[in-house]
Amino acid sequence: MLKKNNLTSVFLLIVLLLFFSCSSHKVDQPVKKEATAETKIAIAPEEILQNLDFKFSQDLNKIWETFFKEVFTDTRSIDLFIATNRKMKNGMMGCSNDQLGVEGDNLLKLGLCRINVPKNHTTGEINFTKDNRQSSHDYFKVIGYKNFTEEKFFESLKKSRRIPLVFVHGFNVRYQEAVLRAAQIAYDLKYQGPVVLFSWPAGAGDGFLDEKLINVTYKNNTKTAADSIVYFKNFLSSFKKADIKINLMVHSMGHQVVIPALNDWVKENSQQLNPENKLINELILNAPDFESDKFVEYAESLNALTKRITLYCSFNDNAMVASEVFNKTKRLGACTQVENVDSINVSQVDAPTLGIGGLGHGYYSSRPILSDVFQVLLGLDAEKRLFIRKSEPNSTEKYFLRP
């Protein structure tokens, strides 16, 4: 009996020794483990572990520091380059209606207006004073003017090494209003390059009745717009000759100057067109008082000259309603979808209470539109910009700007 128990004890002891021997052997051996995504991340360099949003923010901050050199958080002067085919009233150039009127001239004049833009102005509004005793923080003021030869004009534009923004105003806009409006847009866009105003002979005459006879003014402005096409076309050629790419922003009847000029320029300079180096970077059309069907015809030419076309239009634009009655044709500013054009309906942020004379026609200089234009000028695609939504299929536009 004792022998049997002893044998059992010995057997159990041997089993235990073998078990601990195997266990200690396994612990001493390195464990092979297949590498996973988790183990790779655990041993990756620190820069790979960095949060992507944090990295993007760092990279963008470096870009913005270089991009935003000009500061627009305080009252400041804007140097506004001027090109105009308006006729001088007293043989002198300047920045007021006393010097340039609503009649056309056969010579394109070049200069520069220095404008005080107040930090306290409401976006889109212009409070102007000739009294220098009034606060510069509350009022727009003309500070000074100087003439330019063509050589000095384009030489000065090139010095900034930034893309100039060329602004062309619309119907019934006198010279001084055009100057102040261009300065306001430059300030509110925080535009970092030079701003150029092309001012064609728009506006009513100096008489009291002239301002009241809106149909007469419209008819006269239509003629002066047509007469100005050749001057704007030649102005484009000067930019091409100087090897200066531009952004181009147009309003209202100004399209009757610009669009035919662009179309004619393409036809006359087809051999100079370079798909990789287009003369116009961004073409921005605001409330175009231009025939829709004719624009569709010209769209191919315009796309050959510009990288992108953005069209702002509205159902609330009563000026377009009046123009359609007067011209008996559908107007582009009332919204038309055109191939290769980013057409954006702003009816939801516009209202007839905004803009010129309560017509819902002056939204181009308002906060919602300028906020989107700012993103356009940065090169963002429409679908990546804030408050843009797609329109329903077969609509009169591609996008809506949400309120």
Protein backbone atom coordinates (compact mmCIF):
# COMPACT_ATOMS: atom_id res chain seq x y z
CA MET A 1 0.00 0.00 0.00
CA LEU A 2 2.83 2.41 0.91
CA LYS A 3 4.71 1.50 -2.24
CA LYS A 4 1.71 2.32 -4.38
CA ASN A 5 1.32 5.69 -2.71
CA ASN A 6 5.00 6.42 -3.10
CA LEU A 7 4.85 5.64 -6.80
CA THR A 8 1.87 7.95 -7.21
CA SER A 9 3.68 10.76 -5.42
CA VAL A 10 6.75 10.30 -7.55
CA PHE A 11 4.62 10.35 -10.73
CA LEU A 12 2.91 13.59 -9.70
CA LEU A 13 6.26 15.19 -8.87
CA ILE A 14 7.63 14.31 -12.32
CA VAL A 15 4.52 15.79 -13.99
CA LEU A 16 4.86 19.03 -12.00
CA LEU A 17 8.54 19.36 -12.86
CA LEU A 18 7.83 18.88 -16.56
CA PHE A 19 5.00 21.48 -16.43
CA PHE A 20 7.17 24.16 -14.79
CA SER A 21 10.05 23.34 -17.07
CA CYS A 22 7.89 23.90 -20.17
CA SER A 23 6.40 27.07 -18.72
CA SER A 24 9.80 28.58 -17.95
CA HIS A 25 10.98 27.67 -21.44
CA LYS A 26 8.05 29.55 -23.06
CA VAL A 27 8.67 32.68 -21.02
CA ASP A 28 12.33 32.77 -22.03
CA GLN A 29 11.50 32.57 -25.78
CA PRO A 30 10.60 35.79 -27.65
CA VAL A 31 6.98 35.89 -28.75
CA LYS A 32 6.48 36.50 -32.44
CA LYS A 33 3.54 38.79 -33.05
CA GLU A 34 2.23 39.86 -36.45
CA ALA A 35 2.47 43.68 -36.95
CA THR A 36 -0.91 45.42 -37.03
CA ALA A 37 -2.00 48.96 -37.81
CA GLU A 38 -2.00 49.67 -34.08
CA THR A 39 1.58 48.53 -33.57
CA LYS A 40 2.71 50.52 -36.62
CA ILE A 41 1.11 53.70 -35.27
CA ALA A 42 2.64 53.07 -31.85
CA ILE A 43 6.14 53.10 -33.30
CA ALA A 44 5.55 55.74 -35.98
CA PRO A 45 7.36 59.11 -35.98
CA GLU A 46 5.74 61.90 -34.00
CA GLU A 47 4.71 63.88 -37.10
CA ILE A 48 2.55 61.00 -38.35
CA LEU A 49 0.82 60.82 -35.00
CA GLN A 50 -0.05 64.55 -35.18
CA ASN A 51 -3.75 65.38 -35.48
CA LEU A 52 -4.50 66.23 -39.13
CA ASP A 53 -6.70 69.25 -38.34
CA PHE A 54 -3.94 70.67 -36.16
CA LYS A 55 -1.42 70.16 -38.96
CA PHE A 56 -3.71 71.80 -41.54
CA SER A 57 -4.21 74.74 -39.19
CA GLN A 58 -0.46 75.17 -38.77
CA ASP A 59 0.12 75.02 -42.52
CA LEU A 60 -2.70 77.46 -43.26
CA ASN A 61 -1.49 79.93 -40.65
CA LYS A 62 1.86 80.06 -42.41
CA ILE A 63 0.09 80.74 -45.71
CA TRP A 64 -2.21 83.40 -44.26
CA GLU A 65 0.72 85.23 -42.69
CA THR A 66 2.23 85.56 -46.14
CA PHE A 67 -1.06 86.17 -47.98
CA PHE A 68 -2.55 88.87 -45.72
CA LYS A 69 0.00 91.66 -45.76
CA GLU A 70 -2.46 94.56 -45.96
CA VAL A 71 -4.51 95.29 -42.80
CA PHE A 72 -8.17 96.37 -42.99
CA THR A 73 -9.22 96.47 -39.35
CA ASP A 74 -8.88 100.23 -38.96
CA THR A 75 -9.61 103.37 -40.96
CA ARG A 76 -7.19 103.47 -43.87
CA SER A 77 -6.53 105.02 -47.26
CA ILE A 78 -7.11 103.02 -50.43
CA ASP A 79 -5.04 103.75 -53.53
CA LEU A 80 -7.54 103.18 -56.32
CA PHE A 81 -6.23 102.96 -59.87
CA ILE A 82 -8.53 104.69 -62.37
CA ALA A 83 -9.13 104.07 -66.09
CA THR A 84 -11.95 106.05 -67.69
CA ASN A 85 -13.26 107.19 -71.04
CA ARG A 86 -15.46 109.87 -69.41
CA LYS A 87 -15.04 113.38 -70.77
CA MET A 88 -13.38 115.95 -68.49
CA LYS A 89 -15.54 118.97 -67.61
CA ASN A 90 -12.85 121.57 -66.97
CA GLY A 91 -9.74 120.09 -68.53
CA MET A 92 -8.65 118.50 -65.24
CA MET A 93 -8.72 114.95 -63.93
CA GLY A 94 -9.69 114.12 -60.36
CA CYS A 95 -12.02 112.03 -58.25
CA SER A 96 -15.30 114.00 -58.26
CA ASN A 97 -18.30 114.64 -60.49
CA ASP A 98 -17.09 118.24 -60.87
CA GLN A 99 -14.23 116.94 -63.00
CA LEU A 100 -15.68 113.99 -64.92
CA GLY A 101 -19.24 113.81 -66.21
CA VAL A 102 -21.52 111.45 -68.13
CA GLU A 103 -20.34 112.20 -71.66
CA GLY A 104 -17.89 109.96 -73.46
CA ASP A 105 -14.43 110.84 -74.69
CA ASN A 106 -12.21 109.35 -77.43
CA LEU A 107 -9.30 108.94 -75.03
CA LEU A 108 -8.77 106.55 -72.11
CA LYS A 109 -7.38 108.48 -69.15
CA LEU A 110 -5.37 106.82 -66.36
CA GLY A 111 -4.77 107.95 -62.79
CA LEU A 112 -5.02 107.17 -59.10
CA CYS A 113 -7.51 108.32 -56.44
CA ARG A 114 -6.55 108.04 -52.77
CA ILE A 115 -9.71 107.44 -50.73
CA ASN A 116 -10.20 107.44 -46.95
CA VAL A 117 -12.37 104.45 -46.01
CA PRO A 118 -13.79 104.68 -42.45
CA LYS A 119 -13.65 101.69 -40.15
CA ASN A 120 -17.16 102.49 -38.85
CA HIS A 121 -18.95 102.20 -42.20
CA THR A 122 -21.67 99.57 -42.60
CA THR A 123 -20.81 97.02 -45.28
CA GLY A 124 -22.23 98.21 -48.58
CA GLU A 125 -22.98 101.76 -47.41
CA ILE A 126 -21.09 104.93 -48.32
CA ASN A 127 -21.26 108.09 -46.21
CA PHE A 128 -19.22 110.71 -48.04
CA THR A 129 -18.10 114.15 -46.89
CA LYS A 130 -16.08 116.96 -48.46
CA ASP A 131 -15.56 118.49 -45.02
CA ASN A 132 -12.18 117.35 -43.72
CA ARG A 133 -13.22 118.34 -40.21
CA GLN A 134 -15.63 115.41 -40.13
CA SER A 135 -14.39 112.19 -38.53
CA SER A 136 -12.25 110.04 -40.82
CA HIS A 137 -13.52 107.02 -38.88
CA ASP A 138 -17.12 107.70 -39.98
CA TYR A 139 -16.90 109.20 -43.47
CA PHE A 140 -15.44 108.40 -46.87
CA LYS A 141 -13.19 111.21 -48.12
CA VAL A 142 -11.13 111.97 -51.20
CA ILE A 143 -7.54 112.50 -50.03
CA GLY A 144 -5.77 113.10 -53.33
CA TYR A 145 -5.32 112.31 -57.02
CA LYS A 146 -2.47 111.91 -59.50
CA ASN A 147 -2.22 111.27 -63.23
CA PHE A 148 -0.45 108.30 -64.81
CA THR A 149 1.04 107.63 -68.19
CA GLU A 150 0.19 104.16 -69.49
CA GLU A 151 3.75 103.01 -68.80
CA LYS A 152 3.70 104.23 -65.18
CA PHE A 153 0.17 102.89 -64.63
CA PHE A 154 1.06 99.30 -65.47
CA GLU A 155 4.51 99.57 -63.92
CA SER A 156 2.84 100.54 -60.62
CA LEU A 157 0.40 97.61 -60.88
CA LYS A 158 3.24 95.15 -61.36
CA LYS A 159 5.15 96.34 -58.28
CA SER A 160 2.76 94.61 -55.89
CA ARG A 161 3.28 91.22 -57.56
CA ARG A 162 -0.38 90.49 -56.76
CA ILE A 163 -3.34 90.01 -59.12
CA PRO A 164 -5.24 93.30 -59.62
CA LEU A 165 -9.01 93.36 -59.16
CA VAL A 166 -10.65 95.30 -62.00
CA PHE A 167 -14.13 96.61 -61.14
CA VAL A 168 -16.63 97.84 -63.76
CA HIS A 169 -19.74 99.61 -62.42
CA GLY A 170 -23.25 99.62 -63.81
CA PHE A 171 -26.08 101.82 -65.01
CA ASN A 172 -26.77 105.33 -63.69
CA VAL A 173 -23.58 105.46 -61.61
CA ARG A 174 -21.78 108.77 -61.66
CA TYR A 175 -18.02 108.96 -61.51
CA GLN A 176 -17.60 109.87 -57.83
CA GLU A 177 -20.02 107.17 -56.71
CA ALA A 178 -18.10 104.63 -58.80
CA VAL A 179 -14.81 105.68 -57.17
CA LEU A 180 -16.20 105.41 -53.64
CA ARG A 181 -17.93 102.10 -54.38
CA ALA A 182 -14.72 100.55 -55.70
CA ALA A 183 -12.87 101.70 -52.57
CA GLN A 184 -15.60 100.23 -50.33
CA ILE A 185 -15.42 96.87 -52.13
CA ALA A 186 -11.63 96.82 -51.88
CA TYR A 187 -11.78 97.50 -48.13
CA ASP A 188 -14.60 95.08 -47.31
CA LEU A 189 -13.01 92.28 -49.36
CA LYS A 190 -9.67 92.94 -47.61
CA TYR A 191 -8.28 92.75 -51.13
CA GLN A 192 -4.52 92.28 -50.99
CA GLY A 193 -3.63 93.37 -54.52
CA PRO A 194 -4.22 96.60 -56.45
CA VAL A 195 -7.82 97.59 -57.26
CA VAL A 196 -8.60 99.17 -60.62
CA LEU A 197 -11.83 101.01 -61.47
CA PHE A 198 -12.84 101.10 -65.12
CA SER A 199 -15.42 103.89 -65.22
CA TRP A 200 -17.45 104.29 -68.41
CA PRO A 201 -19.80 107.30 -68.98
CA ALA A 202 -22.82 106.20 -66.92
CA GLY A 203 -25.25 108.31 -64.92
CA ALA A 204 -27.91 110.97 -65.45
CA GLY A 205 -27.19 114.47 -66.66
CA ASP A 206 -26.65 117.37 -64.28
CA GLY A 207 -30.15 118.81 -64.62
CA PHE A 208 -32.98 118.19 -62.13
CA LEU A 209 -35.21 116.58 -64.75
CA ASP A 210 -32.37 114.38 -65.99
CA GLU A 211 -32.38 112.47 -62.71
CA LYS A 212 -36.16 111.98 -62.88
CA LEU A 213 -36.33 110.74 -66.49
CA ILE A 214 -35.00 107.25 -65.79
CA ASN A 215 -35.99 105.85 -69.22
CA VAL A 216 -34.03 108.61 -70.96
CA THR A 217 -31.03 107.92 -68.71
CA TYR A 218 -31.26 104.18 -69.44
CA LYS A 219 -31.36 104.81 -73.19
CA ASN A 220 -28.39 107.20 -73.01
CA ASN A 221 -26.38 104.84 -70.80
CA THR A 222 -27.05 101.95 -73.21
CA LYS A 223 -25.45 104.01 -75.98
CA THR A 224 -22.42 105.07 -73.93
CA ALA A 225 -21.94 101.45 -72.82
CA ALA A 226 -21.83 100.34 -76.47
CA ASP A 227 -19.40 103.15 -77.28
CA SER A 228 -17.13 102.04 -74.41
CA ILE A 229 -16.62 98.46 -75.63
CA VAL A 230 -13.58 99.31 -77.74
CA TYR A 231 -11.89 101.16 -74.84
CA PHE A 232 -12.28 98.23 -72.48
CA LYS A 233 -11.07 95.80 -75.15
CA ASN A 234 -7.93 97.90 -75.65
CA PHE A 235 -7.52 98.09 -71.87
CA LEU A 236 -7.44 94.28 -71.79
CA SER A 237 -4.76 94.30 -74.47
CA SER A 238 -2.66 96.58 -72.28
CA PHE A 239 -2.85 94.05 -69.43
CA LYS A 240 -1.84 91.31 -71.84
CA LYS A 241 1.07 93.38 -73.14
CA ALA A 242 2.22 94.07 -69.57
CA ASP A 243 1.87 90.35 -68.73
CA ILE A 244 -0.54 91.05 -65.86
CA LYS A 245 -3.26 88.54 -65.01
CA ILE A 246 -6.45 90.07 -63.53
CA ASN A 247 -9.57 89.30 -61.53
CA LEU A 248 -12.58 91.01 -63.11
CA MET A 249 -15.77 92.02 -61.25
CA VAL A 250 -18.70 93.58 -63.13
CA HIS A 251 -22.10 94.97 -62.14
CA SER A 252 -25.37 95.60 -63.98
CA MET A 253 -25.12 97.41 -67.34
CA GLY A 254 -21.35 97.25 -67.07
CA HIS A 255 -21.77 93.81 -68.66
CA GLN A 256 -22.88 95.54 -71.87
CA VAL A 257 -19.36 96.96 -71.95
CA VAL A 258 -17.37 93.98 -70.69
CA ILE A 259 -18.96 90.88 -72.24
CA PRO A 260 -18.87 92.08 -75.88
CA ALA A 261 -15.33 93.39 -75.30
CA LEU A 262 -14.19 89.98 -74.01
CA ASN A 263 -15.87 88.19 -76.92
CA ASP A 264 -14.28 90.54 -79.48
CA TRP A 265 -10.87 90.26 -77.80
CA VAL A 266 -10.94 86.47 -78.04
CA LYS A 267 -11.85 86.59 -81.72
CA GLU A 268 -9.07 89.08 -82.50
CA ASN A 269 -6.43 87.36 -80.37
CA SER A 270 -7.23 83.69 -80.82
CA GLN A 271 -3.58 82.91 -81.64
CA GLN A 272 -2.44 84.35 -78.29
CA LEU A 273 -4.78 82.29 -76.13
CA ASN A 274 -3.06 79.90 -73.74
CA PRO A 275 -5.29 77.42 -71.86
CA GLU A 276 -2.59 77.10 -69.19
CA ASN A 277 -2.14 80.85 -68.69
CA LYS A 278 -5.46 82.66 -69.06
CA LEU A 279 -5.56 86.45 -68.87
CA ILE A 280 -8.51 86.51 -66.44
CA ASN A 281 -8.26 84.48 -63.25
CA GLU A 282 -11.78 84.96 -61.80
CA LEU A 283 -14.62 86.60 -63.76
CA ILE A 284 -17.39 87.65 -61.37
CA LEU A 285 -20.71 88.77 -62.89
CA ASN A 286 -23.15 90.59 -60.59
CA ALA A 287 -26.78 91.18 -61.62
CA PRO A 288 -25.90 91.30 -65.33
CA ASP A 289 -28.17 93.56 -67.38
CA PHE A 290 -27.32 91.55 -70.47
CA GLU A 291 -29.34 89.44 -72.88
CA SER A 292 -29.33 85.80 -71.70
CA ASP A 293 -29.36 84.17 -75.15
CA LYS A 294 -26.48 86.34 -76.36
CA PHE A 295 -24.46 85.44 -73.26
CA VAL A 296 -24.97 81.73 -74.02
CA GLU A 297 -23.50 82.42 -77.48
CA TYR A 298 -20.49 84.20 -75.97
CA ALA A 299 -19.89 81.76 -73.10
CA GLU A 300 -17.37 79.63 -75.00
CA SER A 301 -15.25 82.69 -75.85
CA LEU A 302 -15.38 83.90 -72.25
CA ASN A 303 -14.29 80.51 -70.93
CA ALA A 304 -11.33 80.57 -73.32
CA LEU A 305 -10.15 83.77 -71.66
CA THR A 306 -10.92 83.13 -67.99
CA LYS A 307 -10.21 80.35 -65.50
CA ARG A 308 -13.69 80.46 -63.94
CA ILE A 309 -16.93 82.41 -64.33
CA THR A 310 -19.21 83.07 -61.34
CA LEU A 311 -22.65 84.57 -61.95
CA TYR A 312 -24.77 86.11 -59.17
CA CYS A 313 -28.43 86.52 -60.05
CA SER A 314 -31.76 87.06 -58.27
CA PHE A 315 -35.51 86.60 -58.74
CA ASN A 316 -36.00 89.70 -56.56
CA ASP A 317 -34.10 92.06 -58.86
CA ASN A 318 -36.76 94.52 -60.02
CA ALA A 319 -34.20 96.30 -62.20
CA MET A 320 -34.03 93.10 -64.27
CA VAL A 321 -37.83 93.12 -64.58
CA ALA A 322 -37.74 96.70 -65.85
CA SER A 323 -34.89 95.90 -68.23
CA GLU A 324 -36.76 92.93 -69.68
CA VAL A 325 -39.74 95.17 -70.38
CA PHE A 326 -37.53 97.85 -71.95
CA ASN A 327 -35.34 95.47 -74.01
CA LYS A 328 -38.01 92.80 -74.64
CA THR A 329 -35.44 90.07 -73.91
CA LYS A 330 -34.69 87.84 -70.92
CA ARG A 331 -31.82 89.24 -68.82
CA LEU A 332 -28.95 87.20 -67.41
CA GLY A 333 -29.33 88.81 -63.98
CA ALA A 334 -32.76 87.19 -63.59
CA CYS A 335 -30.96 83.80 -63.60
CA THR A 336 -30.03 81.55 -66.50
CA GLN A 337 -28.13 78.29 -66.21
CA VAL A 338 -25.17 78.28 -68.57
CA GLU A 339 -22.68 75.48 -69.18
CA ASN A 340 -19.31 75.99 -67.45
CA VAL A 341 -20.64 78.94 -65.43
CA ASP A 342 -21.22 78.82 -61.65
CA SER A 343 -24.64 80.50 -61.57
CA ILE A 344 -25.68 81.36 -57.99
CA ASN A 345 -29.19 82.51 -57.11
CA VAL A 346 -29.03 85.03 -54.25
CA SER A 347 -32.79 85.58 -53.93
CA GLN A 348 -32.79 84.12 -50.41
CA VAL A 349 -30.31 86.70 -49.14
CA ASP A 350 -31.44 89.57 -51.36
CA ALA A 351 -34.59 91.67 -51.04
CA PRO A 352 -36.05 94.65 -52.92
CA THR A 353 -35.30 96.77 -49.85
CA LEU A 354 -31.58 96.30 -50.53
CA GLY A 355 -29.55 98.16 -53.06
CA ILE A 356 -30.18 100.93 -55.56
CA GLY A 357 -33.49 102.70 -55.09
CA GLY A 358 -35.05 99.69 -53.36
CA LEU A 359 -34.79 97.63 -56.57
CA GLY A 360 -32.91 94.70 -55.07
CA HIS A 361 -30.19 95.44 -57.62
CA GLY A 362 -27.29 96.56 -55.43
CA TYR A 363 -26.68 93.33 -53.52
CA TYR A 364 -23.23 92.95 -55.11
CA SER A 365 -21.64 95.21 -52.48
CA SER A 366 -23.44 93.65 -49.48
CA ARG A 367 -22.00 91.40 -46.78
CA PRO A 368 -23.49 88.04 -48.00
CA ILE A 369 -22.25 88.47 -51.58
CA LEU A 370 -18.83 89.87 -50.66
CA SER A 371 -18.36 87.00 -48.20
CA ASP A 372 -18.85 84.53 -51.04
CA VAL A 373 -16.77 86.60 -53.48
CA PHE A 374 -13.94 86.52 -50.91
CA GLN A 375 -14.00 82.71 -51.09
CA VAL A 376 -14.22 82.80 -54.89
CA LEU A 377 -11.05 84.92 -55.03
CA LEU A 378 -9.30 82.38 -52.79
CA GLY A 379 -10.04 79.79 -55.47
CA LEU A 380 -12.49 77.61 -53.51
CA ASP A 381 -14.92 75.50 -55.54
CA ALA A 382 -18.57 76.50 -55.20
CA GLU A 383 -19.55 73.31 -53.35
CA LYS A 384 -16.80 73.85 -50.76
CA ARG A 385 -17.82 77.44 -49.93
CA LEU A 386 -19.96 78.41 -46.95
CA PHE A 387 -23.75 78.62 -47.33
CA ILE A 388 -23.84 77.27 -50.90
CA ARG A 389 -26.38 74.57 -51.72
CA LYS A 390 -27.20 72.86 -54.99
CA SER A 391 -30.37 73.81 -56.81
CA GLU A 392 -32.97 71.30 -57.91
CA PRO A 393 -32.45 69.58 -61.28
CA ASN A 394 -33.37 71.66 -64.35
CA SER A 395 -33.41 74.92 -62.38
CA THR A 396 -32.48 78.33 -63.77
CA GLU A 397 -29.25 78.25 -61.75
CA LYS A 398 -26.77 75.71 -60.37
CA TYR A 399 -26.62 76.92 -56.77
CA PHE A 400 -28.42 78.95 -54.13
CA LEU A 401 -26.73 81.15 -51.55
CA ARG A 402 -28.46 80.26 -48.27
CA PRO A 403 -29.49 82.96 -45.76
